Amino acid sequence: HERTAFIDCVIPWLPPLKLTKQVQWFWCEHKYLARAEAYNHRTEHPAHSTRYADGLGVDPKSHRELLLIECNGGNIAEIVDHNLSDSLKLVENSVFALRQLLASWKACSFENASKLSILALHVIKNRMCLTETRISTDGKRWQVIELRNAVIPTSWDDIMLTVR
């Protein structure tokens, strides 16, 4: 199954963040919260109004999304169309989450609003990429910026290199 490697190799790295009590985790086919809220206010729902995440990191107090996670492949063959579709899904839902966050801070200055961001983690086979979505400095566009990428250790030799 495509999520086996995700469950075995990625999920174990994230729950320690729960110890801070600043992130609550939801795994495997959890409805995107900000997207659902945005479409609840509309009378017409497009065909793809409901989407599901492979993982969500949520603020336990405000119930707002902080980290969106999608996983593709594991050790099976890469499906480029599925990867592109999930990349677009992450961008789209990051914007929904950021819009929800900005709407809750209506009195903040543009300078402070431009510092807010939503994180997304996209795992494709044995690589993961962390991105950040924020509003551009001119306020006219959304920016999606790659912050980090890494190879996921899947063998004992790779894991030993990670420990060092």
C-alpha atoms as a PDB file:
ATOM      1  CA  HIS A   1       0.000   0.000   0.000  1.00  0.00           C
ATOM      2  CA  GLU A   2       1.289   3.509  -0.791  1.00  0.00           C
ATOM      3  CA  ARG A   3       0.989   4.682   2.830  1.00  0.00           C
ATOM      4  CA  THR A   4       3.036   1.879   4.406  1.00  0.00           C
ATOM      5  CA  ALA A   5       6.347   3.716   4.009  1.00  0.00           C
ATOM      6  CA  PHE A   6       4.686   6.940   5.177  1.00  0.00           C
ATOM      7  CA  ILE A   7       3.414   5.247   8.333  1.00  0.00           C
ATOM      8  CA  ASP A   8       6.713   3.439   8.960  1.00  0.00           C
ATOM      9  CA  CYS A   9       9.200   6.191   8.078  1.00  0.00           C
ATOM     10  CA  VAL A  10       7.554   9.631   8.363  1.00  0.00           C
ATOM     11  CA  ILE A  11       4.896   9.514  11.070  1.00  0.00           C
ATOM     12  CA  PRO A  12       7.342   8.396  13.828  1.00  0.00           C
ATOM     13  CA  TRP A  13       9.297  11.675  13.377  1.00  0.00           C
ATOM     14  CA  LEU A  14       6.289  13.944  13.950  1.00  0.00           C
ATOM     15  CA  PRO A  15       4.485  12.895  17.190  1.00  0.00           C
ATOM     16  CA  PRO A  16       7.267  14.197  19.480  1.00  0.00           C
ATOM     17  CA  LEU A  17       5.932  17.652  18.551  1.00  0.00           C
ATOM     18  CA  LYS A  18       2.771  16.626  20.405  1.00  0.00           C
ATOM     19  CA  LEU A  19       4.751  16.747  23.647  1.00  0.00           C
ATOM     20  CA  THR A  20       4.736  20.547  23.346  1.00  0.00           C
ATOM     21  CA  LYS A  21       0.903  20.423  23.331  1.00  0.00           C
ATOM     22  CA  GLN A  22       0.992  22.858  20.404  1.00  0.00           C
ATOM     23  CA  VAL A  23       0.064  20.330  17.709  1.00  0.00           C
ATOM     24  CA  GLN A  24      -2.706  17.751  17.515  1.00  0.00           C
ATOM     25  CA  TRP A  25      -2.268  15.115  14.794  1.00  0.00           C
ATOM     26  CA  PHE A  26      -4.835  13.547  12.480  1.00  0.00           C
ATOM     27  CA  TRP A  27      -3.739  10.760  10.131  1.00  0.00           C
ATOM     28  CA  CYS A  28      -4.905   9.113   6.894  1.00  0.00           C
ATOM     29  CA  GLU A  29      -7.904  10.525   5.071  1.00  0.00           C
ATOM     30  CA  HIS A  30      -8.845  13.348   7.416  1.00  0.00           C
ATOM     31  CA  LYS A  31     -10.978  16.114   5.910  1.00  0.00           C
ATOM     32  CA  TYR A  32      -9.192  19.432   5.331  1.00  0.00           C
ATOM     33  CA  LEU A  33     -10.742  21.723   7.951  1.00  0.00           C
ATOM     34  CA  ALA A  34     -10.277  25.207   6.414  1.00  0.00           C
ATOM     35  CA  ARG A  35     -11.493  23.981   3.025  1.00  0.00           C
ATOM     36  CA  ALA A  36     -14.630  22.468   4.575  1.00  0.00           C
ATOM     37  CA  GLU A  37     -15.328  25.702   6.452  1.00  0.00           C
ATOM     38  CA  ALA A  38     -14.883  27.807   3.295  1.00  0.00           C
ATOM     39  CA  TYR A  39     -17.354  25.660   1.360  1.00  0.00           C
ATOM     40  CA  ASN A  40     -19.875  25.596   4.240  1.00  0.00           C
ATOM     41  CA  HIS A  41     -20.482  29.316   3.583  1.00  0.00           C
ATOM     42  CA  ARG A  42     -21.346  28.744  -0.097  1.00  0.00           C
ATOM     43  CA  THR A  43     -24.672  27.676  -1.514  1.00  0.00           C
ATOM     44  CA  GLU A  44     -23.064  25.799  -4.431  1.00  0.00           C
ATOM     45  CA  HIS A  45     -20.414  23.163  -3.852  1.00  0.00           C
ATOM     46  CA  PRO A  46     -18.038  22.262  -6.695  1.00  0.00           C
ATOM     47  CA  ALA A  47     -17.386  18.614  -7.431  1.00  0.00           C
ATOM     48  CA  HIS A  48     -14.115  18.665  -5.466  1.00  0.00           C
ATOM     49  CA  SER A  49     -15.323  20.675  -2.476  1.00  0.00           C
ATOM     50  CA  THR A  50     -14.367  17.875  -0.070  1.00  0.00           C
ATOM     51  CA  ARG A  51     -10.721  16.799  -0.002  1.00  0.00           C
ATOM     52  CA  TYR A  52      -8.850  14.569   2.408  1.00  0.00           C
ATOM     53  CA  ALA A  53      -5.323  14.815   3.798  1.00  0.00           C
ATOM     54  CA  ASP A  54      -2.891  12.034   4.584  1.00  0.00           C
ATOM     55  CA  GLY A  55      -1.982  13.994   7.695  1.00  0.00           C
ATOM     56  CA  LEU A  56      -2.871  17.237   9.449  1.00  0.00           C
ATOM     57  CA  GLY A  57      -1.146  19.073  12.263  1.00  0.00           C
ATOM     58  CA  VAL A  58      -3.745  21.250  13.982  1.00  0.00           C
ATOM     59  CA  ASP A  59      -3.546  23.887  16.714  1.00  0.00           C
ATOM     60  CA  PRO A  60      -5.458  22.243  19.608  1.00  0.00           C
ATOM     61  CA  LYS A  61      -6.819  25.571  20.881  1.00  0.00           C
ATOM     62  CA  SER A  62      -8.038  27.228  17.680  1.00  0.00           C
ATOM     63  CA  HIS A  63      -8.497  24.015  15.615  1.00  0.00           C
ATOM     64  CA  ARG A  64      -6.694  25.683  12.709  1.00  0.00           C
ATOM     65  CA  GLU A  65      -4.419  23.767  10.380  1.00  0.00           C
ATOM     66  CA  LEU A  66      -0.692  24.369  10.905  1.00  0.00           C
ATOM     67  CA  LEU A  67       0.855  21.567   8.837  1.00  0.00           C
ATOM     68  CA  LEU A  68      -0.692  19.753   5.859  1.00  0.00           C
ATOM     69  CA  ILE A  69       0.781  16.401   4.791  1.00  0.00           C
ATOM     70  CA  GLU A  70       0.442  14.381   1.576  1.00  0.00           C
ATOM     71  CA  CYS A  71       2.269  11.153   0.783  1.00  0.00           C
ATOM     72  CA  ASN A  72       2.793   9.427  -2.566  1.00  0.00           C
ATOM     73  CA  GLY A  73       4.327   6.150  -3.422  1.00  0.00           C
ATOM     74  CA  GLY A  74       6.427   4.644  -0.703  1.00  0.00           C
ATOM     75  CA  ASN A  75       8.413   1.902  -2.380  1.00  0.00           C
ATOM     76  CA  ILE A  76       6.009   1.432  -5.282  1.00  0.00           C
ATOM     77  CA  ALA A  77       6.386   3.030  -8.707  1.00  0.00           C
ATOM     78  CA  GLU A  78       6.040   6.796  -8.872  1.00  0.00           C
ATOM     79  CA  ILE A  79       2.821   8.084 -10.475  1.00  0.00           C
ATOM     80  CA  VAL A  80       3.606  11.570 -11.768  1.00  0.00           C
ATOM     81  CA  ASP A  81      -0.024  12.646 -12.329  1.00  0.00           C
ATOM     82  CA  HIS A  82      -0.913  11.693  -8.743  1.00  0.00           C
ATOM     83  CA  ASN A  83       2.134  13.590  -7.422  1.00  0.00           C
ATOM     84  CA  LEU A  84       1.166  16.714  -9.371  1.00  0.00           C
ATOM     85  CA  SER A  85      -2.437  16.434  -8.222  1.00  0.00           C
ATOM     86  CA  ASP A  86      -1.342  16.176  -4.577  1.00  0.00           C
ATOM     87  CA  SER A  87       1.067  19.101  -5.022  1.00  0.00           C
ATOM     88  CA  LEU A  88      -1.793  21.254  -6.284  1.00  0.00           C
ATOM     89  CA  LYS A  89      -4.018  19.968  -3.478  1.00  0.00           C
ATOM     90  CA  LEU A  90      -1.392  21.048  -0.915  1.00  0.00           C
ATOM     91  CA  VAL A  91      -1.075  24.517  -2.453  1.00  0.00           C
ATOM     92  CA  GLU A  92      -4.834  24.976  -2.679  1.00  0.00           C
ATOM     93  CA  ASN A  93      -5.503  23.797   0.883  1.00  0.00           C
ATOM     94  CA  SER A  94      -2.571  25.790   2.261  1.00  0.00           C
ATOM     95  CA  VAL A  95      -4.181  28.904   0.793  1.00  0.00           C
ATOM     96  CA  PHE A  96      -7.551  27.953   2.343  1.00  0.00           C
ATOM     97  CA  ALA A  97      -5.831  27.497   5.734  1.00  0.00           C
ATOM     98  CA  LEU A  98      -3.913  30.773   5.421  1.00  0.00           C
ATOM     99  CA  ARG A  99      -7.068  32.662   4.413  1.00  0.00           C
ATOM    100  CA  GLN A 100      -8.821  31.239   7.473  1.00  0.00           C
ATOM    101  CA  LEU A 101      -5.906  32.303   9.686  1.00  0.00           C
ATOM    102  CA  LEU A 102      -5.838  35.805   8.189  1.00  0.00           C
ATOM    103  CA  ALA A 103      -9.617  36.149   8.619  1.00  0.00           C
ATOM    104  CA  SER A 104      -9.237  35.465  12.342  1.00  0.00           C
ATOM    105  CA  TRP A 105      -6.680  38.297  12.673  1.00  0.00           C
ATOM    106  CA  LYS A 106      -8.615  41.079  10.927  1.00  0.00           C
ATOM    107  CA  ALA A 107      -7.137  43.864  13.090  1.00  0.00           C
ATOM    108  CA  CYS A 108      -3.480  42.975  12.467  1.00  0.00           C
ATOM    109  CA  SER A 109      -1.239  45.131  10.295  1.00  0.00           C
ATOM    110  CA  PHE A 110      -0.237  44.009   6.815  1.00  0.00           C
ATOM    111  CA  GLU A 111       3.351  43.710   8.065  1.00  0.00           C
ATOM    112  CA  ASN A 112       2.260  41.160  10.693  1.00  0.00           C
ATOM    113  CA  ALA A 113      -0.136  39.409   8.294  1.00  0.00           C
ATOM    114  CA  SER A 114       2.700  38.901   5.812  1.00  0.00           C
ATOM    115  CA  LYS A 115       4.643  36.997   8.519  1.00  0.00           C
ATOM    116  CA  LEU A 116       1.897  34.370   8.953  1.00  0.00           C
ATOM    117  CA  SER A 117       2.339  31.106   7.078  1.00  0.00           C
ATOM    118  CA  ILE A 118       1.052  27.560   6.695  1.00  0.00           C
ATOM    119  CA  LEU A 119       3.458  24.633   6.359  1.00  0.00           C
ATOM    120  CA  ALA A 120       3.014  21.674   4.022  1.00  0.00           C
ATOM    121  CA  LEU A 121       4.971  18.435   3.842  1.00  0.00           C
ATOM    122  CA  HIS A 122       4.877  16.441   0.603  1.00  0.00           C
ATOM    123  CA  VAL A 123       6.384  12.957   0.664  1.00  0.00           C
ATOM    124  CA  ILE A 124       7.127  11.329  -2.697  1.00  0.00           C
ATOM    125  CA  LYS A 125       8.687   7.875  -2.514  1.00  0.00           C
ATOM    126  CA  ASN A 126      11.764   8.344  -0.276  1.00  0.00           C
ATOM    127  CA  ARG A 127      11.931  12.168  -0.427  1.00  0.00           C
ATOM    128  CA  MET A 128      10.071  14.804   1.496  1.00  0.00           C
ATOM    129  CA  CYS A 129       9.730  18.506   0.865  1.00  0.00           C
ATOM    130  CA  LEU A 130       8.651  21.127   3.397  1.00  0.00           C
ATOM    131  CA  THR A 131       6.997  24.239   1.954  1.00  0.00           C
ATOM    132  CA  GLU A 132       5.588  27.410   3.422  1.00  0.00           C
ATOM    133  CA  THR A 133       2.602  29.333   2.034  1.00  0.00           C
ATOM    134  CA  ARG A 134       2.341  33.032   2.811  1.00  0.00           C
ATOM    135  CA  ILE A 135       0.984  36.223   1.316  1.00  0.00           C
ATOM    136  CA  SER A 136       3.439  38.094  -0.920  1.00  0.00           C
ATOM    137  CA  THR A 137       4.968  41.376   0.228  1.00  0.00           C
ATOM    138  CA  ASP A 138       2.837  43.311  -2.264  1.00  0.00           C
ATOM    139  CA  GLY A 139      -0.310  41.545  -1.004  1.00  0.00           C
ATOM    140  CA  LYS A 140      -1.441  40.524  -4.492  1.00  0.00           C
ATOM    141  CA  ARG A 141      -0.312  36.887  -4.608  1.00  0.00           C
ATOM    142  CA  TRP A 142       0.245  33.796  -2.521  1.00  0.00           C
ATOM    143  CA  GLN A 143       3.821  32.571  -2.234  1.00  0.00           C
ATOM    144  CA  VAL A 144       4.715  28.911  -1.861  1.00  0.00           C
ATOM    145  CA  ILE A 145       8.343  28.601  -0.846  1.00  0.00           C
ATOM    146  CA  GLU A 146      10.362  25.410  -0.482  1.00  0.00           C
ATOM    147  CA  LEU A 147      12.036  25.543   2.929  1.00  0.00           C
ATOM    148  CA  ARG A 148      13.752  22.157   3.086  1.00  0.00           C
ATOM    149  CA  ASN A 149      13.887  18.793   1.366  1.00  0.00           C
ATOM    150  CA  ALA A 150      15.408  15.547   2.493  1.00  0.00           C
ATOM    151  CA  VAL A 151      15.821  11.881   1.696  1.00  0.00           C
ATOM    152  CA  ILE A 152      13.881   9.694   4.132  1.00  0.00           C
ATOM    153  CA  PRO A 153      16.042   6.984   5.701  1.00  0.00           C
ATOM    154  CA  THR A 154      14.439   3.667   4.713  1.00  0.00           C
ATOM    155  CA  SER A 155      17.312   1.228   5.278  1.00  0.00           C
ATOM    156  CA  TRP A 156      19.399   0.551   8.395  1.00  0.00           C
ATOM    157  CA  ASP A 157      22.433   2.122   6.726  1.00  0.00           C
ATOM    158  CA  ASP A 158      20.456   5.307   6.012  1.00  0.00           C
ATOM    159  CA  ILE A 159      19.058   5.375   9.543  1.00  0.00           C
ATOM    160  CA  MET A 160      22.550   5.097  11.013  1.00  0.00           C
ATOM    161  CA  LEU A 161      23.644   8.110   8.923  1.00  0.00           C
ATOM    162  CA  THR A 162      20.663  10.056  10.314  1.00  0.00           C
ATOM    163  CA  VAL A 163      21.667   9.279  13.899  1.00  0.00           C
ATOM    164  CA  ARG A 164      25.186  10.585  13.321  1.00  0.00           C
END
